[in-house]
C-alpha atoms as a PDB file:
ATOM      1  CA  MET A   1    -143.326 371.128 172.478  1.00  0.00           C
ATOM      2  CA  VAL A   2    -145.110 372.396 175.478  1.00  0.00           C
ATOM      3  CA  ASN A   3    -142.365 371.096 177.723  1.00  0.00           C
ATOM      4  CA  LEU A   4    -139.735 373.024 175.773  1.00  0.00           C
ATOM      5  CA  SER A   5    -141.542 376.337 176.129  1.00  0.00           C
ATOM      6  CA  ILE A   6    -141.986 375.755 179.856  1.00  0.00           C
ATOM      7  CA  LEU A   7    -138.308 375.017 180.195  1.00  0.00           C
ATOM      8  CA  ILE A   8    -137.273 378.169 178.336  1.00  0.00           C
ATOM      9  CA  SER A   9    -139.598 380.362 180.352  1.00  0.00           C
ATOM     10  CA  SER A  10    -138.424 378.913 183.657  1.00  0.00           C
ATOM     11  CA  SER A  11    -134.726 379.321 182.757  1.00  0.00           C
ATOM     12  CA  GLU A  12    -134.958 383.060 182.595  1.00  0.00           C
ATOM     13  CA  VAL A  13    -133.205 384.534 185.546  1.00  0.00           C
ATOM     14  CA  SER A  14    -133.924 387.938 186.685  1.00  0.00           C
ATOM     15  CA  GLY A  15    -131.027 389.761 188.204  1.00  0.00           C
ATOM     16  CA  PRO A  16    -127.405 388.697 188.654  1.00  0.00           C
ATOM     17  CA  GLY A  17    -126.021 385.230 187.716  1.00  0.00           C
ATOM     18  CA  GLY A  18    -126.581 385.363 183.964  1.00  0.00           C
ATOM     19  CA  LEU A  19    -124.352 384.162 181.167  1.00  0.00           C
ATOM     20  CA  PHE A  20    -121.818 386.954 181.451  1.00  0.00           C
ATOM     21  CA  ASP A  21    -121.766 387.254 185.188  1.00  0.00           C
ATOM     22  CA  PHE A  22    -118.139 387.704 186.256  1.00  0.00           C
ATOM     23  CA  ASN A  23    -117.611 386.272 189.702  1.00  0.00           C
ATOM     24  CA  ALA A  24    -114.990 383.989 191.372  1.00  0.00           C
ATOM     25  CA  THR A  25    -115.602 381.055 188.971  1.00  0.00           C
ATOM     26  CA  LEU A  26    -113.987 382.778 185.985  1.00  0.00           C
ATOM     27  CA  PRO A  27    -110.542 383.187 187.602  1.00  0.00           C
ATOM     28  CA  LEU A  28    -110.867 379.676 189.016  1.00  0.00           C
ATOM     29  CA  VAL A  29    -111.571 378.262 185.551  1.00  0.00           C
ATOM     30  CA  ALA A  30    -108.627 380.278 184.122  1.00  0.00           C
ATOM     31  CA  ILE A  31    -106.324 378.955 186.863  1.00  0.00           C
ATOM     32  CA  GLN A  32    -107.552 375.402 186.217  1.00  0.00           C
ATOM     33  CA  PHE A  33    -106.904 375.863 182.481  1.00  0.00           C
ATOM     34  CA  VAL A  34    -103.366 377.173 183.019  1.00  0.00           C
ATOM     35  CA  LEU A  35    -102.638 374.467 185.605  1.00  0.00           C
ATOM     36  CA  LEU A  36    -103.954 371.739 183.277  1.00  0.00           C
ATOM     37  CA  MET A  37    -101.889 373.201 180.429  1.00  0.00           C
ATOM     38  CA  LEU A  38     -98.702 373.119 182.552  1.00  0.00           C
ATOM     39  CA  ILE A  39     -99.374 369.553 183.737  1.00  0.00           C
ATOM     40  CA  LEU A  40    -100.113 368.320 180.208  1.00  0.00           C
ATOM     41  CA  ASN A  41     -97.045 370.154 178.900  1.00  0.00           C
ATOM     42  CA  THR A  42     -94.729 368.474 181.432  1.00  0.00           C
ATOM     43  CA  ILE A  43     -96.348 365.039 181.421  1.00  0.00           C
ATOM     44  CA  LEU A  44     -97.470 364.553 177.830  1.00  0.00           C
ATOM     45  CA  TYR A  45     -96.142 367.144 175.390  1.00  0.00           C
ATOM     46  CA  SER A  46     -92.508 367.388 176.519  1.00  0.00           C
ATOM     47  CA  PRO A  47     -91.826 363.602 176.346  1.00  0.00           C
ATOM     48  CA  LEU A  48     -93.751 363.429 173.093  1.00  0.00           C
ATOM     49  CA  LEU A  49     -91.711 366.270 171.601  1.00  0.00           C
ATOM     50  CA  THR A  50     -88.430 364.672 172.785  1.00  0.00           C
ATOM     51  CA  VAL A  51     -89.439 361.348 171.207  1.00  0.00           C
ATOM     52  CA  ILE A  52     -90.359 363.133 167.984  1.00  0.00           C
ATOM     53  CA  GLU A  53     -87.030 365.015 168.018  1.00  0.00           C
ATOM     54  CA  GLU A  54     -85.072 361.790 168.686  1.00  0.00           C
ATOM     55  CA  ARG A  55     -86.894 360.072 165.862  1.00  0.00           C
ATOM     56  CA  LYS A  56     -86.168 363.010 163.559  1.00  0.00           C
ATOM     57  CA  GLU A  57     -82.463 362.866 164.473  1.00  0.00           C
ATOM     58  CA  TYR A  58     -82.457 359.071 163.971  1.00  0.00           C
ATOM     59  CA  ILE A  59     -84.045 359.414 160.521  1.00  0.00           C
ATOM     60  CA  LEU A  60     -81.633 362.209 159.537  1.00  0.00           C
ATOM     61  CA  GLY A  61     -78.682 360.112 160.740  1.00  0.00           C
ATOM     62  CA  ASN A  62     -79.875 357.112 158.742  1.00  0.00           C
ATOM     63  CA  LEU A  63     -80.388 359.287 155.664  1.00  0.00           C
ATOM     64  CA  ALA A  64     -76.865 360.663 156.023  1.00  0.00           C
ATOM     65  CA  LYS A  65     -75.450 357.144 156.358  1.00  0.00           C
ATOM     66  CA  ALA A  66     -77.492 355.992 153.372  1.00  0.00           C
ATOM     67  CA  SER A  67     -76.235 358.878 151.244  1.00  0.00           C
ATOM     68  CA  GLU A  68     -72.627 358.082 152.265  1.00  0.00           C
ATOM     69  CA  ILE A  69     -73.125 354.410 151.390  1.00  0.00           C
ATOM     70  CA  LEU A  70     -74.723 355.416 148.082  1.00  0.00           C
ATOM     71  CA  ALA A  71     -71.763 357.678 147.276  1.00  0.00           C
ATOM     72  CA  GLN A  72     -69.343 354.837 148.086  1.00  0.00           C
ATOM     73  CA  ALA A  73     -71.391 352.461 145.943  1.00  0.00           C
ATOM     74  CA  ASN A  74     -71.259 354.921 143.039  1.00  0.00           C
ATOM     75  CA  GLU A  75     -67.493 355.267 143.428  1.00  0.00           C
ATOM     76  CA  LEU A  76     -67.074 351.484 143.499  1.00  0.00           C
ATOM     77  CA  THR A  77     -69.332 351.143 140.477  1.00  0.00           C
ATOM     78  CA  THR A  78     -67.298 353.605 138.431  1.00  0.00           C
ATOM     79  CA  GLN A  79     -64.065 351.964 139.583  1.00  0.00           C
ATOM     80  CA  TYR A  80     -65.290 348.478 138.657  1.00  0.00           C
ATOM     81  CA  GLU A  81     -66.643 349.700 135.318  1.00  0.00           C
ATOM     82  CA  GLN A  82     -63.258 351.233 134.517  1.00  0.00           C
ATOM     83  CA  GLU A  83     -61.476 348.018 135.540  1.00  0.00           C
ATOM     84  CA  LEU A  84     -63.934 346.020 133.455  1.00  0.00           C
ATOM     85  CA  SER A  85     -63.293 348.175 130.392  1.00  0.00           C
ATOM     86  CA  ASN A  86     -59.528 347.791 130.899  1.00  0.00           C
ATOM     87  CA  VAL A  87     -59.871 344.020 131.211  1.00  0.00           C
ATOM     88  CA  ARG A  88     -62.060 343.936 128.098  1.00  0.00           C
ATOM     89  CA  LYS A  89     -59.453 345.909 126.157  1.00  0.00           C
ATOM     90  CA  GLU A  90     -56.705 343.563 127.355  1.00  0.00           C
ATOM     91  CA  ALA A  91     -58.797 340.515 126.477  1.00  0.00           C
ATOM     92  CA  GLN A  92     -59.516 341.926 123.014  1.00  0.00           C
ATOM     93  CA  LEU A  93     -55.794 342.581 122.540  1.00  0.00           C
ATOM     94  CA  GLU A  94     -54.999 339.017 123.654  1.00  0.00           C
ATOM     95  CA  ILE A  95     -57.608 337.626 121.269  1.00  0.00           C
ATOM     96  CA  THR A  96     -56.183 339.688 118.399  1.00  0.00           C
ATOM     97  CA  ASN A  97     -52.638 338.546 119.175  1.00  0.00           C
ATOM     98  CA  SER A  98     -53.773 334.943 119.512  1.00  0.00           C
ATOM     99  CA  GLN A  99     -55.594 335.103 116.175  1.00  0.00           C
ATOM    100  CA  LYS A 100     -52.511 336.602 114.554  1.00  0.00           C
ATOM    101  CA  ILE A 101     -50.256 333.869 115.963  1.00  0.00           C
ATOM    102  CA  HIS A 102     -52.674 331.114 114.930  1.00  0.00           C
ATOM    103  CA  LYS A 103     -52.924 332.610 111.452  1.00  0.00           C
ATOM    104  CA  GLU A 104     -49.142 332.616 111.122  1.00  0.00           C
ATOM    105  CA  ILE A 105     -48.962 329.022 112.377  1.00  0.00           C
ATOM    106  CA  LEU A 106     -51.686 328.020 109.927  1.00  0.00           C
ATOM    107  CA  GLU A 107     -49.829 329.681 107.049  1.00  0.00           C
ATOM    108  CA  ILE A 108     -46.611 327.890 108.010  1.00  0.00           C
ATOM    109  CA  GLU A 109     -48.422 324.556 108.230  1.00  0.00           C
ATOM    110  CA  LEU A 110     -50.137 325.219 104.896  1.00  0.00           C
ATOM    111  CA  ASN A 111     -46.771 326.003 103.278  1.00  0.00           C
ATOM    112  CA  ILE A 112     -45.259 322.819 104.718  1.00  0.00           C
ATOM    113  CA  SER A 113     -48.262 320.790 103.576  1.00  0.00           C
ATOM    114  CA  GLN A 114     -48.120 322.362 100.124  1.00  0.00           C
ATOM    115  CA  LYS A 115     -44.417 321.544  99.808  1.00  0.00           C
ATOM    116  CA  TYR A 116     -45.073 317.981 100.947  1.00  0.00           C
ATOM    117  CA  ILE A 117     -47.914 317.606  98.447  1.00  0.00           C
ATOM    118  CA  ASP A 118     -45.765 319.123  95.657  1.00  0.00           C
ATOM    119  CA  ASN A 119     -42.938 316.697  96.469  1.00  0.00           C
ATOM    120  CA  LEU A 120     -45.364 313.792  96.615  1.00  0.00           C
ATOM    121  CA  LEU A 121     -46.868 314.787  93.262  1.00  0.00           C
ATOM    122  CA  ASP A 122     -43.401 315.113  91.738  1.00  0.00           C
ATOM    123  CA  THR A 123     -42.459 311.679  93.077  1.00  0.00           C
ATOM    124  CA  ILE A 124     -45.681 310.105  91.806  1.00  0.00           C
ATOM    125  CA  THR A 125     -45.312 311.840  88.440  1.00  0.00           C
ATOM    126  CA  LYS A 126     -41.719 310.606  88.094  1.00  0.00           C
ATOM    127  CA  ASP A 127     -42.756 307.120  89.163  1.00  0.00           C
ATOM    128  CA  LEU A 128     -45.611 307.092  86.650  1.00  0.00           C
ATOM    129  CA  GLN A 129     -43.298 308.445  83.961  1.00  0.00           C
ATOM    130  CA  ASP A 130     -40.772 305.719  84.740  1.00  0.00           C
ATOM    131  CA  LYS A 131     -43.477 303.045  84.649  1.00  0.00           C
ATOM    132  CA  LYS A 132     -44.762 304.496  81.383  1.00  0.00           C
ATOM    133  CA  ASN A 133     -41.296 304.437  79.891  1.00  0.00           C
ATOM    134  CA  THR A 134     -40.767 300.899  81.161  1.00  0.00           C
ATOM    135  CA  ALA A 135     -44.122 299.818  79.767  1.00  0.00           C
ATOM    136  CA  LEU A 136     -43.379 301.469  76.435  1.00  0.00           C
ATOM    137  CA  ASN A 137     -39.952 299.853  76.279  1.00  0.00           C
ATOM    138  CA  SER A 138     -41.362 296.458  77.124  1.00  0.00           C
ATOM    139  CA  LEU A 139     -44.136 297.061  74.625  1.00  0.00           C
ATOM    140  CA  ASP A 140     -41.525 297.956  72.009  1.00  0.00           C
ATOM    141  CA  THR A 141     -39.653 294.764  72.662  1.00  0.00           C
ATOM    142  CA  ILE A 142     -42.877 292.747  72.543  1.00  0.00           C
ATOM    143  CA  VAL A 143     -43.911 294.493  69.322  1.00  0.00           C
ATOM    144  CA  GLN A 144     -40.451 293.816  67.852  1.00  0.00           C
ATOM    145  CA  SER A 145     -40.630 290.193  68.835  1.00  0.00           C
ATOM    146  CA  LEU A 146     -44.122 289.932  67.363  1.00  0.00           C
ATOM    147  CA  CYS A 147     -42.969 291.631  64.206  1.00  0.00           C
ATOM    148  CA  THR A 148     -40.090 289.215  63.828  1.00  0.00           C
ATOM    149  CA  ASP A 149     -42.423 286.351  64.618  1.00  0.00           C
ATOM    150  CA  ILE A 150     -44.873 287.552  61.975  1.00  0.00           C
ATOM    151  CA  GLU A 151     -42.081 287.995  59.470  1.00  0.00           C
ATOM    152  CA  THR A 152     -40.763 284.547  60.102  1.00  0.00           C
ATOM    153  CA  ARG A 153     -44.170 283.022  59.673  1.00  0.00           C
ATOM    154  CA  LEU A 154     -44.860 285.032  56.610  1.00  0.00           C
ATOM    155  CA  SER A 155     -41.624 284.075  55.048  1.00  0.00           C
ATOM    156  CA  ILE A 156     -42.288 280.513  55.425  1.00  0.00           C
END
């Protein structure tokens, strides 16, 4: 602490050369400041600002290209969606027509099958009726022969 008080007391200057003494150093410092500012501006700040401006232009150009590509993609998307809906409608129409044609074909085949089955049933029914009539006729003849046989035996 003692050293600090000695230092403060010895730093007091009496007369000119104080803190706000304006002499030739102030203009020299101002000239150095301006000169350093000009040198830094030409060496460091100007190239840095041009690089920043180029980068800004590059980013803006890429954003413009990206927005154009996005607009084209949206146009293509709407176009493809419209084509897809048209194709879906056509496919649905084809399916409906195909179902209609297959239904008509099925009805025709069912009618043909029904006619065939009806004819077959008629043929079988007639055949069975004929066999029944034949069996009844033969049974009648057998019964008649048995009756005559029984009568002849009984008459004996």
